[in-house]
Amino acid sequence: MFVKDVMVQNQVGLHARPATFFIQKANEFKSSIWVEKEERRVNAKSLLGVLSLGIVGGTNIRIIADGSDEETAVNGLVSLVQSGFAE
């Protein structure tokens, strides 16, 4: 299992468009991936799950992966979040 915390950089957070980019990236990996905000954990490959967290800009989230490419998956998603989804 590989875990990293990251702060959401873009102002609007993970609304529909950035969440879609996030999920598309998560689906590139074989590992099981979760996003955690406070005490709630959802499947990072589920649009409804990610949107249900209500992640806004400035929120700290935790990205967790478990599987053969877990480290690559977490680092790729952290980089995407840090980039601000090119907004």
PDB file of N, CA and C in Angstrom:
ATOM      1  N   MET A   1       0.849  -1.184   0.000  1.00  0.00           N
ATOM      2  CA  MET A   1       0.000   0.000   0.000  1.00  0.00           C
ATOM      3  C   MET A   1       0.889   1.239   0.000  1.00  0.00           C
ATOM      4  N   PHE A   2       0.534   2.227  -0.823  1.00  0.00           N
ATOM      5  CA  PHE A   2       1.287   3.471  -0.932  1.00  0.00           C
ATOM      6  C   PHE A   2       0.316   4.630  -0.744  1.00  0.00           C
ATOM      7  N   VAL A   3       0.721   5.605   0.093  1.00  0.00           N
ATOM      8  CA  VAL A   3      -0.176   6.701   0.480  1.00  0.00           C
ATOM      9  C   VAL A   3       0.564   8.030   0.383  1.00  0.00           C
ATOM     10  N   LYS A   4      -0.125   9.057  -0.120  1.00  0.00           N
ATOM     11  CA  LYS A   4       0.418  10.420  -0.125  1.00  0.00           C
ATOM     12  C   LYS A   4      -0.708  11.407   0.105  1.00  0.00           C
ATOM     13  N   ASP A   5      -0.390  12.482   0.825  1.00  0.00           N
ATOM     14  CA  ASP A   5      -1.332  13.582   1.029  1.00  0.00           C
ATOM     15  C   ASP A   5      -0.979  14.702   0.052  1.00  0.00           C
ATOM     16  N   VAL A   6      -2.015  15.390  -0.426  1.00  0.00           N
ATOM     17  CA  VAL A   6      -1.797  16.490  -1.363  1.00  0.00           C
ATOM     18  C   VAL A   6      -2.900  17.526  -1.156  1.00  0.00           C
ATOM     19  N   MET A   7      -2.550  18.804  -1.366  1.00  0.00           N
ATOM     20  CA  MET A   7      -3.548  19.867  -1.284  1.00  0.00           C
ATOM     21  C   MET A   7      -4.060  20.174  -2.688  1.00  0.00           C
ATOM     22  N   VAL A   8      -5.376  20.269  -2.819  1.00  0.00           N
ATOM     23  CA  VAL A   8      -5.993  20.591  -4.111  1.00  0.00           C
ATOM     24  C   VAL A   8      -5.691  22.063  -4.406  1.00  0.00           C
ATOM     25  N   GLN A   9      -5.018  22.316  -5.538  1.00  0.00           N
ATOM     26  CA  GLN A   9      -4.525  23.653  -5.862  1.00  0.00           C
ATOM     27  C   GLN A   9      -5.554  24.539  -6.556  1.00  0.00           C
ATOM     28  N   ASN A  10      -6.338  23.968  -7.473  1.00  0.00           N
ATOM     29  CA  ASN A  10      -7.250  24.822  -8.236  1.00  0.00           C
ATOM     30  C   ASN A  10      -8.389  25.312  -7.362  1.00  0.00           C
ATOM     31  N   GLN A  11      -8.889  26.507  -7.657  1.00  0.00           N
ATOM     32  CA  GLN A  11      -9.864  27.173  -6.802  1.00  0.00           C
ATOM     33  C   GLN A  11     -11.166  26.412  -6.656  1.00  0.00           C
ATOM     34  N   VAL A  12     -11.654  25.832  -7.743  1.00  0.00           N
ATOM     35  CA  VAL A  12     -12.959  25.181  -7.694  1.00  0.00           C
ATOM     36  C   VAL A  12     -12.890  23.761  -7.158  1.00  0.00           C
ATOM     37  N   GLY A  13     -11.692  23.209  -7.018  1.00  0.00           N
ATOM     38  CA  GLY A  13     -11.561  21.868  -6.473  1.00  0.00           C
ATOM     39  C   GLY A  13     -11.868  20.798  -7.499  1.00  0.00           C
ATOM     40  N   LEU A  14     -12.367  19.660  -7.024  1.00  0.00           N
ATOM     41  CA  LEU A  14     -12.671  18.536  -7.921  1.00  0.00           C
ATOM     42  C   LEU A  14     -14.138  18.547  -8.309  1.00  0.00           C
ATOM     43  N   HIS A  15     -14.526  19.561  -9.088  1.00  0.00           N
ATOM     44  CA  HIS A  15     -15.885  19.580  -9.646  1.00  0.00           C
ATOM     45  C   HIS A  15     -15.868  18.703 -10.897  1.00  0.00           C
ATOM     46  N   ALA A  16     -16.896  18.729 -11.700  1.00  0.00           N
ATOM     47  CA  ALA A  16     -17.096  17.764 -12.782  1.00  0.00           C
ATOM     48  C   ALA A  16     -15.899  17.588 -13.722  1.00  0.00           C
ATOM     49  N   ARG A  17     -15.378  18.669 -14.290  1.00  0.00           N
ATOM     50  CA  ARG A  17     -14.320  18.522 -15.289  1.00  0.00           C
ATOM     51  C   ARG A  17     -13.011  18.002 -14.677  1.00  0.00           C
ATOM     52  N   PRO A  18     -12.481  18.634 -13.620  1.00  0.00           N
ATOM     53  CA  PRO A  18     -11.255  18.090 -13.019  1.00  0.00           C
ATOM     54  C   PRO A  18     -11.451  16.680 -12.455  1.00  0.00           C
ATOM     55  N   ALA A  19     -12.629  16.407 -11.910  1.00  0.00           N
ATOM     56  CA  ALA A  19     -12.888  15.061 -11.378  1.00  0.00           C
ATOM     57  C   ALA A  19     -12.842  14.036 -12.505  1.00  0.00           C
ATOM     58  N   THR A  20     -13.327  14.411 -13.679  1.00  0.00           N
ATOM     59  CA  THR A  20     -13.283  13.505 -14.827  1.00  0.00           C
ATOM     60  C   THR A  20     -11.839  13.214 -15.228  1.00  0.00           C
ATOM     61  N   PHE A  21     -11.003  14.247 -15.261  1.00  0.00           N
ATOM     62  CA  PHE A  21      -9.578  14.052 -15.565  1.00  0.00           C
ATOM     63  C   PHE A  21      -8.941  13.129 -14.525  1.00  0.00           C
ATOM     64  N   PHE A  22      -9.280  13.352 -13.260  1.00  0.00           N
ATOM     65  CA  PHE A  22      -8.729  12.575 -12.155  1.00  0.00           C
ATOM     66  C   PHE A  22      -9.095  11.092 -12.318  1.00  0.00           C
ATOM     67  N   ILE A  23     -10.356  10.832 -12.616  1.00  0.00           N
ATOM     68  CA  ILE A  23     -10.841   9.454 -12.752  1.00  0.00           C
ATOM     69  C   ILE A  23     -10.228   8.782 -13.983  1.00  0.00           C
ATOM     70  N   GLN A  24     -10.109   9.526 -15.081  1.00  0.00           N
ATOM     71  CA  GLN A  24      -9.474   8.965 -16.278  1.00  0.00           C
ATOM     72  C   GLN A  24      -8.036   8.557 -15.974  1.00  0.00           C
ATOM     73  N   LYS A  25      -7.327   9.404 -15.228  1.00  0.00           N
ATOM     74  CA  LYS A  25      -5.946   9.085 -14.842  1.00  0.00           C
ATOM     75  C   LYS A  25      -5.924   7.864 -13.932  1.00  0.00           C
ATOM     76  N   ALA A  26      -6.820   7.809 -12.953  1.00  0.00           N
ATOM     77  CA  ALA A  26      -6.868   6.678 -12.021  1.00  0.00           C
ATOM     78  C   ALA A  26      -7.122   5.371 -12.763  1.00  0.00           C
ATOM     79  N   ASN A  27      -7.943   5.422 -13.801  1.00  0.00           N
ATOM     80  CA  ASN A  27      -8.285   4.218 -14.560  1.00  0.00           C
ATOM     81  C   ASN A  27      -7.149   3.721 -15.449  1.00  0.00           C
ATOM     82  N   GLU A  28      -6.066   4.499 -15.557  1.00  0.00           N
ATOM     83  CA  GLU A  28      -4.898   4.053 -16.318  1.00  0.00           C
ATOM     84  C   GLU A  28      -4.095   3.002 -15.550  1.00  0.00           C
ATOM     85  N   PHE A  29      -4.379   2.859 -14.258  1.00  0.00           N
ATOM     86  CA  PHE A  29      -3.587   1.992 -13.391  1.00  0.00           C
ATOM     87  C   PHE A  29      -4.361   0.740 -12.990  1.00  0.00           C
ATOM     88  N   LYS A  30      -3.620  -0.334 -12.736  1.00  0.00           N
ATOM     89  CA  LYS A  30      -4.224  -1.605 -12.338  1.00  0.00           C
ATOM     90  C   LYS A  30      -4.581  -1.612 -10.854  1.00  0.00           C
ATOM     91  N   SER A  31      -3.854  -0.865 -10.053  1.00  0.00           N
ATOM     92  CA  SER A  31      -4.047  -0.871  -8.601  1.00  0.00           C
ATOM     93  C   SER A  31      -5.433  -0.392  -8.200  1.00  0.00           C
ATOM     94  N   SER A  32      -5.870  -0.828  -7.033  1.00  0.00           N
ATOM     95  CA  SER A  32      -7.060  -0.251  -6.409  1.00  0.00           C
ATOM     96  C   SER A  32      -6.640   1.093  -5.841  1.00  0.00           C
ATOM     97  N   ILE A  33      -7.432   2.140  -6.116  1.00  0.00           N
ATOM     98  CA  ILE A  33      -7.062   3.497  -5.694  1.00  0.00           C
ATOM     99  C   ILE A  33      -8.247   4.131  -4.978  1.00  0.00           C
ATOM    100  N   TRP A  34      -7.935   4.796  -3.867  1.00  0.00           N
ATOM    101  CA  TRP A  34      -8.964   5.497  -3.092  1.00  0.00           C
ATOM    102  C   TRP A  34      -8.541   6.935  -2.852  1.00  0.00           C
ATOM    103  N   VAL A  35      -9.543   7.786  -2.680  1.00  0.00           N
ATOM    104  CA  VAL A  35      -9.320   9.177  -2.278  1.00  0.00           C
ATOM    105  C   VAL A  35      -9.988   9.331  -0.921  1.00  0.00           C
ATOM    106  N   GLU A  36      -9.268   9.962   0.002  1.00  0.00           N
ATOM    107  CA  GLU A  36      -9.792  10.147   1.346  1.00  0.00           C
ATOM    108  C   GLU A  36      -9.797  11.635   1.690  1.00  0.00           C
ATOM    109  N   LYS A  37     -10.929  12.100   2.195  1.00  0.00           N
ATOM    110  CA  LYS A  37     -11.050  13.472   2.691  1.00  0.00           C
ATOM    111  C   LYS A  37     -11.627  13.355   4.090  1.00  0.00           C
ATOM    112  N   GLU A  38     -10.870  13.856   5.061  1.00  0.00           N
ATOM    113  CA  GLU A  38     -11.221  13.699   6.471  1.00  0.00           C
ATOM    114  C   GLU A  38     -11.405  12.203   6.756  1.00  0.00           C
ATOM    115  N   GLU A  39     -12.571  11.760   7.139  1.00  0.00           N
ATOM    116  CA  GLU A  39     -12.751  10.343   7.478  1.00  0.00           C
ATOM    117  C   GLU A  39     -13.447   9.542   6.380  1.00  0.00           C
ATOM    118  N   ARG A  40     -13.765  10.172   5.250  1.00  0.00           N
ATOM    119  CA  ARG A  40     -14.481   9.481   4.166  1.00  0.00           C
ATOM    120  C   ARG A  40     -13.512   9.002   3.102  1.00  0.00           C
ATOM    121  N   ARG A  41     -13.698   7.767   2.688  1.00  0.00           N
ATOM    122  CA  ARG A  41     -12.850   7.176   1.645  1.00  0.00           C
ATOM    123  C   ARG A  41     -13.740   6.669   0.521  1.00  0.00           C
ATOM    124  N   VAL A  42     -13.374   7.042  -0.726  1.00  0.00           N
ATOM    125  CA  VAL A  42     -14.145   6.592  -1.895  1.00  0.00           C
ATOM    126  C   VAL A  42     -13.195   6.030  -2.946  1.00  0.00           C
ATOM    127  N   ASN A  43     -13.768   5.250  -3.848  1.00  0.00           N
ATOM    128  CA  ASN A  43     -13.030   4.693  -4.970  1.00  0.00           C
ATOM    129  C   ASN A  43     -12.637   5.830  -5.913  1.00  0.00           C
ATOM    130  N   ALA A  44     -11.338   5.972  -6.193  1.00  0.00           N
ATOM    131  CA  ALA A  44     -10.855   7.054  -7.060  1.00  0.00           C
ATOM    132  C   ALA A  44     -11.243   6.850  -8.514  1.00  0.00           C
ATOM    133  N   LYS A  45     -11.774   5.678  -8.845  1.00  0.00           N
ATOM    134  CA  LYS A  45     -12.180   5.397 -10.218  1.00  0.00           C
ATOM    135  C   LYS A  45     -13.680   5.612 -10.414  1.00  0.00           C
ATOM    136  N   SER A  46     -14.341   6.156  -9.389  1.00  0.00           N
ATOM    137  CA  SER A  46     -15.789   6.393  -9.438  1.00  0.00           C
ATOM    138  C   SER A  46     -16.083   7.888  -9.448  1.00  0.00           C
ATOM    139  N   LEU A  47     -16.679   8.377 -10.539  1.00  0.00           N
ATOM    140  CA  LEU A  47     -17.001   9.795 -10.639  1.00  0.00           C
ATOM    141  C   LEU A  47     -17.935  10.230  -9.514  1.00  0.00           C
ATOM    142  N   LEU A  48     -18.999   9.478  -9.292  1.00  0.00           N
ATOM    143  CA  LEU A  48     -19.940   9.849  -8.227  1.00  0.00           C
ATOM    144  C   LEU A  48     -19.274   9.825  -6.861  1.00  0.00           C
ATOM    145  N   GLY A  49     -18.403   8.854  -6.645  1.00  0.00           N
ATOM    146  CA  GLY A  49     -17.696   8.776  -5.368  1.00  0.00           C
ATOM    147  C   GLY A  49     -16.835  10.001  -5.127  1.00  0.00           C
ATOM    148  N   VAL A  50     -16.030  10.366  -6.122  1.00  0.00           N
ATOM    149  CA  VAL A  50     -15.136  11.522  -5.987  1.00  0.00           C
ATOM    150  C   VAL A  50     -15.948  12.811  -5.819  1.00  0.00           C
ATOM    151  N   LEU A  51     -16.999  12.981  -6.634  1.00  0.00           N
ATOM    152  CA  LEU A  51     -17.829  14.184  -6.514  1.00  0.00           C
ATOM    153  C   LEU A  51     -18.525  14.259  -5.153  1.00  0.00           C
ATOM    154  N   SER A  52     -18.872  13.102  -4.584  1.00  0.00           N
ATOM    155  CA  SER A  52     -19.591  13.089  -3.307  1.00  0.00           C
ATOM    156  C   SER A  52     -18.748  13.611  -2.149  1.00  0.00           C
ATOM    157  N   LEU A  53     -17.427  13.651  -2.326  1.00  0.00           N
ATOM    158  CA  LEU A  53     -16.567  14.177  -1.261  1.00  0.00           C
ATOM    159  C   LEU A  53     -16.643  15.702  -1.165  1.00  0.00           C
ATOM    160  N   GLY A  54     -17.106  16.357  -2.215  1.00  0.00           N
ATOM    161  CA  GLY A  54     -17.220  17.815  -2.192  1.00  0.00           C
ATOM    162  C   GLY A  54     -15.881  18.508  -1.976  1.00  0.00           C
ATOM    163  N   ILE A  55     -14.882  18.085  -2.705  1.00  0.00           N
ATOM    164  CA  ILE A  55     -13.523  18.619  -2.534  1.00  0.00           C
ATOM    165  C   ILE A  55     -13.416  19.983  -3.206  1.00  0.00           C
ATOM    166  N   VAL A  56     -13.079  20.993  -2.411  1.00  0.00           N
ATOM    167  CA  VAL A  56     -12.905  22.354  -2.925  1.00  0.00           C
ATOM    168  C   VAL A  56     -11.424  22.730  -2.862  1.00  0.00           C
ATOM    169  N   GLY A  57     -11.074  23.832  -3.525  1.00  0.00           N
ATOM    170  CA  GLY A  57      -9.701  24.305  -3.521  1.00  0.00           C
ATOM    171  C   GLY A  57      -9.201  24.536  -2.096  1.00  0.00           C
ATOM    172  N   GLY A  58      -7.940  24.175  -1.860  1.00  0.00           N
ATOM    173  CA  GLY A  58      -7.345  24.343  -0.539  1.00  0.00           C
ATOM    174  C   GLY A  58      -7.591  23.168   0.399  1.00  0.00           C
ATOM    175  N   THR A  59      -8.302  22.154  -0.064  1.00  0.00           N
ATOM    176  CA  THR A  59      -8.590  20.970   0.747  1.00  0.00           C
ATOM    177  C   THR A  59      -7.436  19.982   0.650  1.00  0.00           C
ATOM    178  N   ASN A  60      -7.061  19.415   1.777  1.00  0.00           N
ATOM    179  CA  ASN A  60      -6.070  18.340   1.775  1.00  0.00           C
ATOM    180  C   ASN A  60      -6.785  17.015   1.580  1.00  0.00           C
ATOM    181  N   ILE A  61      -6.279  16.220   0.635  1.00  0.00           N
ATOM    182  CA  ILE A  61      -6.827  14.889   0.414  1.00  0.00           C
ATOM    183  C   ILE A  61      -5.691  13.880   0.504  1.00  0.00           C
ATOM    184  N   ARG A  62      -6.054  12.642   0.713  1.00  0.00           N
ATOM    185  CA  ARG A  62      -5.090  11.553   0.767  1.00  0.00           C
ATOM    186  C   ARG A  62      -5.403  10.611  -0.395  1.00  0.00           C
ATOM    187  N   ILE A  63      -4.371  10.247  -1.133  1.00  0.00           N
ATOM    188  CA  ILE A  63      -4.517   9.304  -2.236  1.00  0.00           C
ATOM    189  C   ILE A  63      -3.826   8.013  -1.817  1.00  0.00           C
ATOM    190  N   ILE A  64      -4.572   6.919  -1.904  1.00  0.00           N
ATOM    191  CA  ILE A  64      -4.106   5.622  -1.427  1.00  0.00           C
ATOM    192  C   ILE A  64      -4.226   4.620  -2.579  1.00  0.00           C
ATOM    193  N   ALA A  65      -3.187   3.836  -2.786  1.00  0.00           N
ATOM    194  CA  ALA A  65      -3.251   2.798  -3.827  1.00  0.00           C
ATOM    195  C   ALA A  65      -2.669   1.505  -3.281  1.00  0.00           C
ATOM    196  N   ASP A  66      -3.204   0.410  -3.784  1.00  0.00           N
ATOM    197  CA  ASP A  66      -2.741  -0.911  -3.393  1.00  0.00           C
ATOM    198  C   ASP A  66      -2.744  -1.800  -4.629  1.00  0.00           C
ATOM    199  N   GLY A  67      -1.565  -2.254  -5.020  1.00  0.00           N
ATOM    200  CA  GLY A  67      -1.479  -3.111  -6.194  1.00  0.00           C
ATOM    201  C   GLY A  67      -0.100  -3.047  -6.829  1.00  0.00           C
ATOM    202  N   SER A  68       0.013  -3.623  -8.005  1.00  0.00           N
ATOM    203  CA  SER A  68       1.315  -3.772  -8.662  1.00  0.00           C
ATOM    204  C   SER A  68       1.953  -2.441  -9.075  1.00  0.00           C
ATOM    205  N   ASP A  69       1.130  -1.437  -9.373  1.00  0.00           N
ATOM    206  CA  ASP A  69       1.678  -0.135  -9.804  1.00  0.00           C
ATOM    207  C   ASP A  69       1.262   0.983  -8.838  1.00  0.00           C
ATOM    208  N   GLU A  70       1.148   0.631  -7.555  1.00  0.00           N
ATOM    209  CA  GLU A  70       0.610   1.573  -6.568  1.00  0.00           C
ATOM    210  C   GLU A  70       1.407   2.871  -6.460  1.00  0.00           C
ATOM    211  N   GLU A  71       2.727   2.781  -6.434  1.00  0.00           N
ATOM    212  CA  GLU A  71       3.545   3.990  -6.275  1.00  0.00           C
ATOM    213  C   GLU A  71       3.422   4.896  -7.499  1.00  0.00           C
ATOM    214  N   THR A  72       3.463   4.328  -8.681  1.00  0.00           N
ATOM    215  CA  THR A  72       3.309   5.088  -9.921  1.00  0.00           C
ATOM    216  C   THR A  72       1.932   5.744  -9.966  1.00  0.00           C
ATOM    217  N   ALA A  73       0.902   5.007  -9.549  1.00  0.00           N
ATOM    218  CA  ALA A  73      -0.466   5.525  -9.554  1.00  0.00           C
ATOM    219  C   ALA A  73      -0.604   6.731  -8.636  1.00  0.00           C
ATOM    220  N   VAL A  74      -0.144   6.600  -7.408  1.00  0.00           N
ATOM    221  CA  VAL A  74      -0.268   7.699  -6.447  1.00  0.00           C
ATOM    222  C   VAL A  74       0.526   8.911  -6.921  1.00  0.00           C
ATOM    223  N   ASN A  75       1.755   8.696  -7.363  1.00  0.00           N
ATOM    224  CA  ASN A  75       2.578   9.825  -7.814  1.00  0.00           C
ATOM    225  C   ASN A  75       1.971  10.508  -9.036  1.00  0.00           C
ATOM    226  N   GLY A  76       1.393   9.744  -9.951  1.00  0.00           N
ATOM    227  CA  GLY A  76       0.747  10.327 -11.122  1.00  0.00           C
ATOM    228  C   GLY A  76      -0.458  11.171 -10.748  1.00  0.00           C
ATOM    229  N   LEU A  77      -1.276  10.680  -9.818  1.00  0.00           N
ATOM    230  CA  LEU A  77      -2.461  11.431  -9.396  1.00  0.00           C
ATOM    231  C   LEU A  77      -2.079  12.659  -8.568  1.00  0.00           C
ATOM    232  N   VAL A  78      -1.050  12.545  -7.730  1.00  0.00           N
ATOM    233  CA  VAL A  78      -0.576  13.701  -6.958  1.00  0.00           C
ATOM    234  C   VAL A  78      -0.087  14.785  -7.914  1.00  0.00           C
ATOM    235  N   SER A  79       0.655  14.400  -8.942  1.00  0.00           N
ATOM    236  CA  SER A  79       1.150  15.375  -9.933  1.00  0.00           C
ATOM    237  C   SER A  79      -0.008  16.073 -10.633  1.00  0.00           C
ATOM    238  N   LEU A  80      -1.039  15.311 -10.988  1.00  0.00           N
ATOM    239  CA  LEU A  80      -2.214  15.886 -11.645  1.00  0.00           C
ATOM    240  C   LEU A  80      -2.895  16.902 -10.734  1.00  0.00           C
ATOM    241  N   VAL A  81      -3.083  16.560  -9.464  1.00  0.00           N
ATOM    242  CA  VAL A  81      -3.725  17.471  -8.512  1.00  0.00           C
ATOM    243  C   VAL A  81      -2.872  18.721  -8.317  1.00  0.00           C
ATOM    244  N   GLN A  82      -1.556  18.548  -8.184  1.00  0.00           N
ATOM    245  CA  GLN A  82      -0.651  19.692  -7.989  1.00  0.00           C
ATOM    246  C   GLN A  82      -0.606  20.609  -9.196  1.00  0.00           C
ATOM    247  N   SER A  83      -0.878  20.079 -10.381  1.00  0.00           N
ATOM    248  CA  SER A  83      -0.857  20.894 -11.599  1.00  0.00           C
ATOM    249  C   SER A  83      -2.059  21.843 -11.669  1.00  0.00           C
ATOM    250  N   GLY A  84      -3.056  21.616 -10.808  1.00  0.00           N
ATOM    251  CA  GLY A  84      -4.262  22.436 -10.840  1.00  0.00           C
ATOM    252  C   GLY A  84      -5.159  22.089 -12.015  1.00  0.00           C
ATOM    253  N   PHE A  85      -4.958  20.921 -12.628  1.00  0.00           N
ATOM    254  CA  PHE A  85      -5.777  20.461 -13.749  1.00  0.00           C
ATOM    255  C   PHE A  85      -5.750  21.464 -14.900  1.00  0.00           C
ATOM    256  N   ALA A  86      -4.626  22.193 -15.022  1.00  0.00           N
ATOM    257  CA  ALA A  86      -4.428  23.164 -16.113  1.00  0.00           C
ATOM    258  C   ALA A  86      -5.536  24.214 -16.167  1.00  0.00           C
ATOM    259  N   GLU A  87      -6.030  24.604 -15.002  1.00  0.00           N
ATOM    260  CA  GLU A  87      -7.093  25.648 -14.970  1.00  0.00           C
ATOM    261  C   GLU A  87      -6.481  26.982 -14.628  1.00  0.00           C
TER     262      GLU A  87
END
